[in-house]
C-alpha atoms as a PDB file:
ATOM      1  CA  MET A   1      -0.023  -0.010   0.005  1.00  0.00           C
ATOM      2  CA  SER A   2       1.385   3.343  -0.995  1.00  0.00           C
ATOM      3  CA  THR A   3       0.641   6.791   0.366  1.00  0.00           C
ATOM      4  CA  VAL A   4       0.710   9.729  -1.935  1.00  0.00           C
ATOM      5  CA  THR A   5       1.223  13.141  -0.340  1.00  0.00           C
ATOM      6  CA  ARG A   6       0.269  16.137  -2.415  1.00  0.00           C
ATOM      7  CA  ARG A   7       1.313  19.628  -1.564  1.00  0.00           C
ATOM      8  CA  ARG A   8      -1.250  22.153  -2.424  1.00  0.00           C
ATOM      9  CA  PRO A   9       0.108  25.516  -3.516  1.00  0.00           C
ATOM     10  CA  ASP A  10      -0.553  28.503  -1.369  1.00  0.00           C
ATOM     11  CA  LEU A  11      -3.117  30.469  -3.391  1.00  0.00           C
ATOM     12  CA  ALA A  12      -3.348  33.342  -0.981  1.00  0.00           C
ATOM     13  CA  HIS A  13      -2.557  36.638  -2.472  1.00  0.00           C
ATOM     14  CA  HIS A  14      -1.838  38.236   0.905  1.00  0.00           C
ATOM     15  CA  HIS A  15      -1.033  37.053   4.412  1.00  0.00           C
ATOM     16  CA  PRO A  16      -2.645  39.306   6.915  1.00  0.00           C
ATOM     17  CA  THR A  17      -2.028  39.157  10.637  1.00  0.00           C
ATOM     18  CA  VAL A  18      -4.651  39.385  13.316  1.00  0.00           C
ATOM     19  CA  ARG A  19      -3.733  41.043  16.576  1.00  0.00           C
ATOM     20  CA  ARG A  20      -5.309  42.740  19.600  1.00  0.00           C
ATOM     21  CA  VAL A  21      -4.994  46.510  19.883  1.00  0.00           C
ATOM     22  CA  GLY A  22      -6.249  47.725  23.246  1.00  0.00           C
ATOM     23  CA  ALA A  23      -9.712  46.256  23.719  1.00  0.00           C
ATOM     24  CA  THR A  24     -10.407  45.446  20.061  1.00  0.00           C
ATOM     25  CA  TRP A  25      -9.144  43.011  17.364  1.00  0.00           C
ATOM     26  CA  VAL A  26      -7.672  44.230  14.059  1.00  0.00           C
ATOM     27  CA  TRP A  27      -6.082  42.674  10.958  1.00  0.00           C
ATOM     28  CA  GLU A  28      -3.320  44.216   8.928  1.00  0.00           C
ATOM     29  CA  CYS A  29      -1.586  43.184   5.741  1.00  0.00           C
ATOM     30  CA  ARG A  30       1.814  44.163   4.315  1.00  0.00           C
ATOM     31  CA  CYS A  31       0.007  45.387   1.149  1.00  0.00           C
ATOM     32  CA  GLY A  32      -1.591  48.234   3.201  1.00  0.00           C
ATOM     33  CA  GLY A  33      -4.974  46.616   3.733  1.00  0.00           C
ATOM     34  CA  ALA A  34      -6.417  46.631   7.183  1.00  0.00           C
ATOM     35  CA  SER A  35      -9.637  46.253   9.130  1.00  0.00           C
ATOM     36  CA  CYS A  36     -11.831  49.283   9.714  1.00  0.00           C
ATOM     37  CA  ARG A  37     -10.702  51.163  12.841  1.00  0.00           C
ATOM     38  CA  THR A  38     -13.280  53.928  12.749  1.00  0.00           C
ATOM     39  CA  ALA A  39     -16.182  51.735  13.932  1.00  0.00           C
ATOM     40  CA  THR A  40     -17.668  52.522  17.315  1.00  0.00           C
ATOM     41  CA  GLU A  41     -18.371  48.907  18.050  1.00  0.00           C
ATOM     42  CA  ARG A  42     -15.692  46.393  18.880  1.00  0.00           C
ATOM     43  CA  PRO A  43     -15.692  43.487  16.305  1.00  0.00           C
ATOM     44  CA  SER A  44     -15.258  39.945  17.743  1.00  0.00           C
ATOM     45  CA  TRP A  45     -12.114  37.975  17.081  1.00  0.00           C
ATOM     46  CA  HIS A  46     -14.101  35.609  14.884  1.00  0.00           C
ATOM     47  CA  LEU A  47     -15.302  38.423  12.610  1.00  0.00           C
ATOM     48  CA  VAL A  48     -11.869  39.892  12.325  1.00  0.00           C
ATOM     49  CA  VAL A  49     -10.358  36.472  11.331  1.00  0.00           C
ATOM     50  CA  VAL A  50     -13.087  35.937   8.734  1.00  0.00           C
ATOM     51  CA  GLU A  51     -12.403  39.428   7.260  1.00  0.00           C
ATOM     52  CA  ALA A  52      -8.637  38.654   7.126  1.00  0.00           C
ATOM     53  CA  LEU A  53      -9.264  35.293   5.408  1.00  0.00           C
ATOM     54  CA  LEU A  54     -11.500  37.030   2.849  1.00  0.00           C
ATOM     55  CA  HIS A  55      -8.719  39.487   2.147  1.00  0.00           C
ATOM     56  CA  ALA A  56      -6.033  36.656   1.929  1.00  0.00           C
ATOM     57  CA  THR A  57      -8.025  34.643  -0.652  1.00  0.00           C
ATOM     58  CA  ALA A  58      -8.288  37.600  -3.056  1.00  0.00           C
ATOM     59  CA  ILE A  59      -6.193  36.151  -5.958  1.00  0.00           C
ATOM     60  CA  ALA A  60      -3.922  38.574  -7.736  1.00  0.00           C
ATOM     61  CA  PRO A  61      -4.758  39.216 -11.378  1.00  0.00           C
END
């Protein structure tokens, strides 16, 4: 019996980082993209991670 291991290429266009700033969560990317910081409400960690993943999967043309 043989096991085949396939590496899937990283299709992410960007690799944003999620971090905590004060009492809120933000994501930032080296391309200059970032989560909104002007909102009066504090987004949850889950929402910020989802936004960062959506940004990361934007394939470059």
